[in-house]
Amino acid sequence: MTRTARVEPVSEDKGDAIIVSGWRVVDVTEPDAPQEISRHDTEPQAIDAARRFEAETAHEPGSAPDDTQDYDASDPNAGKDVS
């Protein structure tokens, strides 16, 4: 089954400021049971991990084709396997 991932900040509320200490990739295929897949230092690393996670699961038996979701509208090849 093709899975869906979301990238979100790992943050801490410090009173007057919210500190982002990293980024995490969350499997949100089951909206009622999200699962953290990985953590990363930067948002681009997390986006890349989310892309790989979704692409890998698209090859599992019974999966729909990867929809090549575009994470960065400025990149015409974003989310696409161009290798």
PDB file of N, CA and C in Angstrom:
ATOM      1  N   MET A   1       0.841  -1.173   0.000  1.00  0.00           N
ATOM      2  CA  MET A   1       0.000   0.000   0.000  1.00  0.00           C
ATOM      3  C   MET A   1       0.884   1.233   0.000  1.00  0.00           C
ATOM      4  N   THR A   2       0.608   2.145  -0.895  1.00  0.00           N
ATOM      5  CA  THR A   2       1.352   3.397  -0.918  1.00  0.00           C
ATOM      6  C   THR A   2       1.001   4.190   0.334  1.00  0.00           C
ATOM      7  N   ARG A   3       2.024   4.653   1.008  1.00  0.00           N
ATOM      8  CA  ARG A   3       1.821   5.399   2.243  1.00  0.00           C
ATOM      9  C   ARG A   3       1.996   6.893   1.989  1.00  0.00           C
ATOM     10  N   THR A   4       1.448   7.685   2.896  1.00  0.00           N
ATOM     11  CA  THR A   4       1.530   9.138   2.796  1.00  0.00           C
ATOM     12  C   THR A   4       2.315   9.665   3.986  1.00  0.00           C
ATOM     13  N   ALA A   5       3.294  10.515   3.714  1.00  0.00           N
ATOM     14  CA  ALA A   5       4.129  11.085   4.770  1.00  0.00           C
ATOM     15  C   ALA A   5       3.897  12.584   4.872  1.00  0.00           C
ATOM     16  N   ARG A   6       4.115  13.091   6.069  1.00  0.00           N
ATOM     17  CA  ARG A   6       4.022  14.536   6.317  1.00  0.00           C
ATOM     18  C   ARG A   6       5.321  14.962   6.998  1.00  0.00           C
ATOM     19  N   VAL A   7       5.809  16.140   6.664  1.00  0.00           N
ATOM     20  CA  VAL A   7       6.991  16.713   7.295  1.00  0.00           C
ATOM     21  C   VAL A   7       6.514  17.810   8.232  1.00  0.00           C
ATOM     22  N   GLU A   8       6.988  17.759   9.476  1.00  0.00           N
ATOM     23  CA  GLU A   8       6.581  18.788  10.438  1.00  0.00           C
ATOM     24  C   GLU A   8       7.749  19.152  11.345  1.00  0.00           C
ATOM     25  N   PRO A   9       7.749  20.372  11.863  1.00  0.00           N
ATOM     26  CA  PRO A   9       8.847  20.790  12.739  1.00  0.00           C
ATOM     27  C   PRO A   9       8.744  20.137  14.115  1.00  0.00           C
ATOM     28  N   VAL A  10       9.912  19.933  14.713  1.00  0.00           N
ATOM     29  CA  VAL A  10       9.989  19.537  16.115  1.00  0.00           C
ATOM     30  C   VAL A  10      10.277  20.840  16.849  1.00  0.00           C
ATOM     31  N   SER A  11       9.328  21.293  17.655  1.00  0.00           N
ATOM     32  CA  SER A  11       9.484  22.610  18.260  1.00  0.00           C
ATOM     33  C   SER A  11       9.283  22.572  19.766  1.00  0.00           C
ATOM     34  N   GLU A  12       9.774  23.635  20.396  1.00  0.00           N
ATOM     35  CA  GLU A  12       9.672  23.786  21.842  1.00  0.00           C
ATOM     36  C   GLU A  12       9.258  25.222  22.135  1.00  0.00           C
ATOM     37  N   ASP A  13       8.249  25.386  22.961  1.00  0.00           N
ATOM     38  CA  ASP A  13       7.759  26.715  23.312  1.00  0.00           C
ATOM     39  C   ASP A  13       8.621  27.269  24.438  1.00  0.00           C
ATOM     40  N   LYS A  14       9.306  28.383  24.183  1.00  0.00           N
ATOM     41  CA  LYS A  14      10.186  29.017  25.172  1.00  0.00           C
ATOM     42  C   LYS A  14       9.624  30.371  25.596  1.00  0.00           C
ATOM     43  N   GLY A  15       8.349  30.410  25.905  1.00  0.00           N
ATOM     44  CA  GLY A  15       7.752  31.665  26.343  1.00  0.00           C
ATOM     45  C   GLY A  15       7.486  32.607  25.197  1.00  0.00           C
ATOM     46  N   ASP A  16       8.459  33.498  24.929  1.00  0.00           N
ATOM     47  CA  ASP A  16       8.292  34.490  23.868  1.00  0.00           C
ATOM     48  C   ASP A  16       8.645  33.970  22.482  1.00  0.00           C
ATOM     49  N   ALA A  17       9.220  32.766  22.419  1.00  0.00           N
ATOM     50  CA  ALA A  17       9.656  32.239  21.123  1.00  0.00           C
ATOM     51  C   ALA A  17       9.363  30.748  21.029  1.00  0.00           C
ATOM     52  N   ILE A  18       9.218  30.295  19.818  1.00  0.00           N
ATOM     53  CA  ILE A  18       9.096  28.861  19.566  1.00  0.00           C
ATOM     54  C   ILE A  18      10.376  28.448  18.855  1.00  0.00           C
ATOM     55  N   ILE A  19      11.100  27.521  19.455  1.00  0.00           N
ATOM     56  CA  ILE A  19      12.378  27.074  18.921  1.00  0.00           C
ATOM     57  C   ILE A  19      12.164  25.791  18.122  1.00  0.00           C
ATOM     58  N   VAL A  20      12.574  25.802  16.852  1.00  0.00           N
ATOM     59  CA  VAL A  20      12.515  24.604  16.019  1.00  0.00           C
ATOM     60  C   VAL A  20      13.866  23.913  16.148  1.00  0.00           C
ATOM     61  N   SER A  21      13.839  22.697  16.715  1.00  0.00           N
ATOM     62  CA  SER A  21      15.087  21.977  16.955  1.00  0.00           C
ATOM     63  C   SER A  21      15.351  20.897  15.916  1.00  0.00           C
ATOM     64  N   GLY A  22      14.414  20.683  15.020  1.00  0.00           N
ATOM     65  CA  GLY A  22      14.601  19.679  13.979  1.00  0.00           C
ATOM     66  C   GLY A  22      13.309  19.476  13.217  1.00  0.00           C
ATOM     67  N   TRP A  23      13.299  18.442  12.389  1.00  0.00           N
ATOM     68  CA  TRP A  23      12.148  18.130  11.548  1.00  0.00           C
ATOM     69  C   TRP A  23      11.895  16.643  11.612  1.00  0.00           C
ATOM     70  N   ARG A  24      10.640  16.261  11.564  1.00  0.00           N
ATOM     71  CA  ARG A  24      10.323  14.843  11.590  1.00  0.00           C
ATOM     72  C   ARG A  24       9.410  14.469  10.428  1.00  0.00           C
ATOM     73  N   VAL A  25       9.520  13.203  10.042  1.00  0.00           N
ATOM     74  CA  VAL A  25       8.684  12.645   8.996  1.00  0.00           C
ATOM     75  C   VAL A  25       7.678  11.733   9.692  1.00  0.00           C
ATOM     76  N   VAL A  26       6.400  11.945   9.397  1.00  0.00           N
ATOM     77  CA  VAL A  26       5.331  11.193  10.041  1.00  0.00           C
ATOM     78  C   VAL A  26       4.520  10.464   8.972  1.00  0.00           C
ATOM     79  N   ASP A  27       4.301   9.165   9.188  1.00  0.00           N
ATOM     80  CA  ASP A  27       3.434   8.376   8.297  1.00  0.00           C
ATOM     81  C   ASP A  27       2.000   8.686   8.707  1.00  0.00           C
ATOM     82  N   VAL A  28       1.249   9.336   7.801  1.00  0.00           N
ATOM     83  CA  VAL A  28      -0.132   9.724   8.087  1.00  0.00           C
ATOM     84  C   VAL A  28      -1.118   8.966   7.195  1.00  0.00           C
ATOM     85  N   THR A  29      -0.707   7.792   6.748  1.00  0.00           N
ATOM     86  CA  THR A  29      -1.585   6.977   5.920  1.00  0.00           C
ATOM     87  C   THR A  29      -2.878   6.672   6.661  1.00  0.00           C
ATOM     88  N   GLU A  30      -2.762   6.353   7.929  1.00  0.00           N
ATOM     89  CA  GLU A  30      -3.918   6.155   8.810  1.00  0.00           C
ATOM     90  C   GLU A  30      -4.052   7.425   9.644  1.00  0.00           C
ATOM     91  N   PRO A  31      -4.974   8.319   9.306  1.00  0.00           N
ATOM     92  CA  PRO A  31      -5.065   9.612   9.991  1.00  0.00           C
ATOM     93  C   PRO A  31      -5.265   9.510  11.505  1.00  0.00           C
ATOM     94  N   ASP A  32      -5.893   8.437  11.957  1.00  0.00           N
ATOM     95  CA  ASP A  32      -6.135   8.286  13.397  1.00  0.00           C
ATOM     96  C   ASP A  32      -4.953   7.675  14.129  1.00  0.00           C
ATOM     97  N   ALA A  33      -3.924   7.228  13.391  1.00  0.00           N
ATOM     98  CA  ALA A  33      -2.775   6.583  14.026  1.00  0.00           C
ATOM     99  C   ALA A  33      -1.474   6.995  13.336  1.00  0.00           C
ATOM    100  N   PRO A  34      -1.118   8.288  13.372  1.00  0.00           N
ATOM    101  CA  PRO A  34       0.136   8.709  12.742  1.00  0.00           C
ATOM    102  C   PRO A  34       1.336   8.098  13.461  1.00  0.00           C
ATOM    103  N   GLN A  35       2.375   7.786  12.696  1.00  0.00           N
ATOM    104  CA  GLN A  35       3.584   7.198  13.271  1.00  0.00           C
ATOM    105  C   GLN A  35       4.809   7.956  12.785  1.00  0.00           C
ATOM    106  N   GLU A  36       5.668   8.333  13.723  1.00  0.00           N
ATOM    107  CA  GLU A  36       6.907   9.016  13.349  1.00  0.00           C
ATOM    108  C   GLU A  36       7.833   8.013  12.670  1.00  0.00           C
ATOM    109  N   ILE A  37       8.369   8.407  11.520  1.00  0.00           N
ATOM    110  CA  ILE A  37       9.264   7.552  10.744  1.00  0.00           C
ATOM    111  C   ILE A  37      10.718   7.905  11.016  1.00  0.00           C
ATOM    112  N   SER A  38      11.024   9.204  11.040  1.00  0.00           N
ATOM    113  CA  SER A  38      12.407   9.626  11.243  1.00  0.00           C
ATOM    114  C   SER A  38      12.469  11.081  11.681  1.00  0.00           C
ATOM    115  N   ARG A  39      13.662  11.486  12.169  1.00  0.00           N
ATOM    116  CA  ARG A  39      13.921  12.877  12.548  1.00  0.00           C
ATOM    117  C   ARG A  39      15.166  13.360  11.816  1.00  0.00           C
ATOM    118  N   HIS A  40      15.183  14.668  11.529  1.00  0.00           N
ATOM    119  CA  HIS A  40      16.273  15.239  10.735  1.00  0.00           C
ATOM    120  C   HIS A  40      16.618  16.622  11.264  1.00  0.00           C
ATOM    121  N   ASP A  41      17.846  17.057  10.961  1.00  0.00           N
ATOM    122  CA  ASP A  41      18.305  18.376  11.408  1.00  0.00           C
ATOM    123  C   ASP A  41      17.722  19.511  10.577  1.00  0.00           C
ATOM    124  N   THR A  42      17.485  19.245   9.286  1.00  0.00           N
ATOM    125  CA  THR A  42      17.001  20.311   8.409  1.00  0.00           C
ATOM    126  C   THR A  42      15.725  19.876   7.693  1.00  0.00           C
ATOM    127  N   GLU A  43      14.953  20.861   7.260  1.00  0.00           N
ATOM    128  CA  GLU A  43      13.719  20.572   6.531  1.00  0.00           C
ATOM    129  C   GLU A  43      13.990  19.880   5.189  1.00  0.00           C
ATOM    130  N   PRO A  44      14.999  20.311   4.415  1.00  0.00           N
ATOM    131  CA  PRO A  44      15.254  19.608   3.148  1.00  0.00           C
ATOM    132  C   PRO A  44      15.581  18.121   3.348  1.00  0.00           C
ATOM    133  N   GLN A  45      16.319  17.791   4.419  1.00  0.00           N
ATOM    134  CA  GLN A  45      16.614  16.384   4.703  1.00  0.00           C
ATOM    135  C   GLN A  45      15.326  15.621   4.987  1.00  0.00           C
ATOM    136  N   ALA A  46      14.434  16.226   5.742  1.00  0.00           N
ATOM    137  CA  ALA A  46      13.169  15.572   6.084  1.00  0.00           C
ATOM    138  C   ALA A  46      12.296  15.405   4.842  1.00  0.00           C
ATOM    139  N   ILE A  47      12.264  16.398   3.975  1.00  0.00           N
ATOM    140  CA  ILE A  47      11.480  16.300   2.741  1.00  0.00           C
ATOM    141  C   ILE A  47      12.014  15.171   1.874  1.00  0.00           C
ATOM    142  N   ASP A  48      13.330  15.075   1.766  1.00  0.00           N
ATOM    143  CA  ASP A  48      13.933  14.005   0.979  1.00  0.00           C
ATOM    144  C   ASP A  48      13.570  12.636   1.565  1.00  0.00           C
ATOM    145  N   ALA A  49      13.622  12.514   2.883  1.00  0.00           N
ATOM    146  CA  ALA A  49      13.260  11.249   3.531  1.00  0.00           C
ATOM    147  C   ALA A  49      11.791  10.908   3.297  1.00  0.00           C
ATOM    148  N   ALA A  50      10.916  11.911   3.341  1.00  0.00           N
ATOM    149  CA  ALA A  50       9.489  11.679   3.090  1.00  0.00           C
ATOM    150  C   ALA A  50       9.270  11.214   1.657  1.00  0.00           C
ATOM    151  N   ARG A  51       9.974  11.824   0.723  1.00  0.00           N
ATOM    152  CA  ARG A  51       9.862  11.416  -0.684  1.00  0.00           C
ATOM    153  C   ARG A  51      10.297   9.962  -0.857  1.00  0.00           C
ATOM    154  N   ARG A  52      11.442   9.614  -0.255  1.00  0.00           N
ATOM    155  CA  ARG A  52      11.934   8.237  -0.365  1.00  0.00           C
ATOM    156  C   ARG A  52      10.963   7.250   0.269  1.00  0.00           C
ATOM    157  N   PHE A  53      10.423   7.591   1.439  1.00  0.00           N
ATOM    158  CA  PHE A  53       9.470   6.716   2.131  1.00  0.00           C
ATOM    159  C   PHE A  53       8.248   6.458   1.255  1.00  0.00           C
ATOM    160  N   GLU A  54       7.682   7.508   0.683  1.00  0.00           N
ATOM    161  CA  GLU A  54       6.499   7.345  -0.166  1.00  0.00           C
ATOM    162  C   GLU A  54       6.832   6.553  -1.424  1.00  0.00           C
ATOM    163  N   ALA A  55       7.982   6.809  -2.026  1.00  0.00           N
ATOM    164  CA  ALA A  55       8.368   6.099  -3.250  1.00  0.00           C
ATOM    165  C   ALA A  55       8.613   4.626  -2.974  1.00  0.00           C
ATOM    166  N   GLU A  56       9.270   4.306  -1.850  1.00  0.00           N
ATOM    167  CA  GLU A  56       9.547   2.911  -1.508  1.00  0.00           C
ATOM    168  C   GLU A  56       8.257   2.134  -1.281  1.00  0.00           C
ATOM    169  N   THR A  57       7.301   2.742  -0.613  1.00  0.00           N
ATOM    170  CA  THR A  57       6.062   2.026  -0.320  1.00  0.00           C
ATOM    171  C   THR A  57       5.177   1.902  -1.545  1.00  0.00           C
ATOM    172  N   ALA A  58       5.434   2.700  -2.567  1.00  0.00           N
ATOM    173  CA  ALA A  58       4.642   2.619  -3.795  1.00  0.00           C
ATOM    174  C   ALA A  58       4.921   1.322  -4.547  1.00  0.00           C
ATOM    175  N   HIS A  59       6.026   0.648  -4.206  1.00  0.00           N
ATOM    176  CA  HIS A  59       6.392  -0.598  -4.876  1.00  0.00           C
ATOM    177  C   HIS A  59       5.899  -1.833  -4.136  1.00  0.00           C
ATOM    178  N   GLU A  60       5.231  -1.666  -2.994  1.00  0.00           N
ATOM    179  CA  GLU A  60       4.701  -2.799  -2.251  1.00  0.00           C
ATOM    180  C   GLU A  60       3.505  -3.389  -2.997  1.00  0.00           C
ATOM    181  N   PRO A  61       3.274  -4.693  -2.852  1.00  0.00           N
ATOM    182  CA  PRO A  61       2.128  -5.324  -3.531  1.00  0.00           C
ATOM    183  C   PRO A  61       0.813  -4.625  -3.175  1.00  0.00           C
ATOM    184  N   GLY A  62      -0.024  -4.410  -4.171  1.00  0.00           N
ATOM    185  CA  GLY A  62      -1.327  -3.786  -3.964  1.00  0.00           C
ATOM    186  C   GLY A  62      -1.303  -2.274  -3.903  1.00  0.00           C
ATOM    187  N   SER A  63      -0.139  -1.676  -4.128  1.00  0.00           N
ATOM    188  CA  SER A  63      -0.028  -0.223  -4.059  1.00  0.00           C
ATOM    189  C   SER A  63      -0.484   0.442  -5.340  1.00  0.00           C
ATOM    190  N   ALA A  64      -1.090   1.596  -5.169  1.00  0.00           N
ATOM    191  CA  ALA A  64      -1.403   2.440  -6.323  1.00  0.00           C
ATOM    192  C   ALA A  64      -0.096   3.075  -6.782  1.00  0.00           C
ATOM    193  N   PRO A  65       0.008   3.495  -8.033  1.00  0.00           N
ATOM    194  CA  PRO A  65       1.228   4.159  -8.494  1.00  0.00           C
ATOM    195  C   PRO A  65       1.518   5.406  -7.669  1.00  0.00           C
ATOM    196  N   ASP A  66       2.793   5.709  -7.483  1.00  0.00           N
ATOM    197  CA  ASP A  66       3.193   6.910  -6.752  1.00  0.00           C
ATOM    198  C   ASP A  66       2.637   8.127  -7.483  1.00  0.00           C
ATOM    199  N   ASP A  67       2.009   9.023  -6.733  1.00  0.00           N
ATOM    200  CA  ASP A  67       1.389  10.195  -7.362  1.00  0.00           C
ATOM    201  C   ASP A  67       2.370  11.319  -7.629  1.00  0.00           C
ATOM    202  N   THR A  68       3.652  11.107  -7.345  1.00  0.00           N
ATOM    203  CA  THR A  68       4.703  12.107  -7.553  1.00  0.00           C
ATOM    204  C   THR A  68       4.303  13.459  -6.973  1.00  0.00           C
ATOM    205  N   GLN A  69       3.841  13.422  -5.743  1.00  0.00           N
ATOM    206  CA  GLN A  69       3.432  14.650  -5.058  1.00  0.00           C
ATOM    207  C   GLN A  69       4.554  15.676  -5.130  1.00  0.00           C
ATOM    208  N   ASP A  70       4.218  16.892  -5.442  1.00  0.00           N
ATOM    209  CA  ASP A  70       5.185  17.968  -5.599  1.00  0.00           C
ATOM    210  C   ASP A  70       5.350  18.710  -4.284  1.00  0.00           C
ATOM    211  N   TYR A  71       6.520  18.554  -3.646  1.00  0.00           N
ATOM    212  CA  TYR A  71       6.790  19.223  -2.381  1.00  0.00           C
ATOM    213  C   TYR A  71       7.304  20.639  -2.592  1.00  0.00           C
ATOM    214  N   ASP A  72       7.915  20.897  -3.737  1.00  0.00           N
ATOM    215  CA  ASP A  72       8.501  22.200  -4.017  1.00  0.00           C
ATOM    216  C   ASP A  72       8.040  22.636  -5.402  1.00  0.00           C
ATOM    217  N   ALA A  73       7.073  23.514  -5.443  1.00  0.00           N
ATOM    218  CA  ALA A  73       6.474  23.919  -6.711  1.00  0.00           C
ATOM    219  C   ALA A  73       7.477  24.584  -7.651  1.00  0.00           C
ATOM    220  N   SER A  74       8.588  25.078  -7.143  1.00  0.00           N
ATOM    221  CA  SER A  74       9.570  25.724  -8.006  1.00  0.00           C
ATOM    222  C   SER A  74      10.452  24.705  -8.726  1.00  0.00           C
ATOM    223  N   ASP A  75      10.433  23.432  -8.291  1.00  0.00           N
ATOM    224  CA  ASP A  75      11.245  22.386  -8.907  1.00  0.00           C
ATOM    225  C   ASP A  75      10.355  21.519  -9.797  1.00  0.00           C
ATOM    226  N   PRO A  76      10.520  21.589 -11.119  1.00  0.00           N
ATOM    227  CA  PRO A  76       9.633  20.844 -12.014  1.00  0.00           C
ATOM    228  C   PRO A  76       9.755  19.325 -11.864  1.00  0.00           C
ATOM    229  N   ASN A  77      10.853  18.829 -11.278  1.00  0.00           N
ATOM    230  CA  ASN A  77      11.050  17.399 -11.101  1.00  0.00           C
ATOM    231  C   ASN A  77      10.824  16.941  -9.670  1.00  0.00           C
ATOM    232  N   ALA A  78      10.335  17.806  -8.810  1.00  0.00           N
ATOM    233  CA  ALA A  78      10.146  17.453  -7.404  1.00  0.00           C
ATOM    234  C   ALA A  78       9.169  16.294  -7.273  1.00  0.00           C
ATOM    235  N   GLY A  79       9.553  15.319  -6.462  1.00  0.00           N
ATOM    236  CA  GLY A  79       8.697  14.181  -6.209  1.00  0.00           C
ATOM    237  C   GLY A  79       8.716  13.144  -7.304  1.00  0.00           C
ATOM    238  N   LYS A  80       9.498  13.359  -8.365  1.00  0.00           N
ATOM    239  CA  LYS A  80       9.533  12.435  -9.491  1.00  0.00           C
ATOM    240  C   LYS A  80      10.865  11.702  -9.504  1.00  0.00           C
ATOM    241  N   ASP A  81      10.826  10.453  -9.878  1.00  0.00           N
ATOM    242  CA  ASP A  81      12.043   9.674 -10.008  1.00  0.00           C
ATOM    243  C   ASP A  81      12.611   9.967 -11.385  1.00  0.00           C
ATOM    244  N   VAL A  82      13.651  10.769 -11.437  1.00  0.00           N
ATOM    245  CA  VAL A  82      14.222  11.198 -12.707  1.00  0.00           C
ATOM    246  C   VAL A  82      15.581  10.535 -12.963  1.00  0.00           C
ATOM    247  N   SER A  83      15.850   9.440 -12.262  1.00  0.00           N
ATOM    248  CA  SER A  83      17.157   8.779 -12.439  1.00  0.00           C
ATOM    249  C   SER A  83      17.210   7.924 -13.663  1.00  0.00           C
TER     250      SER A  83
END
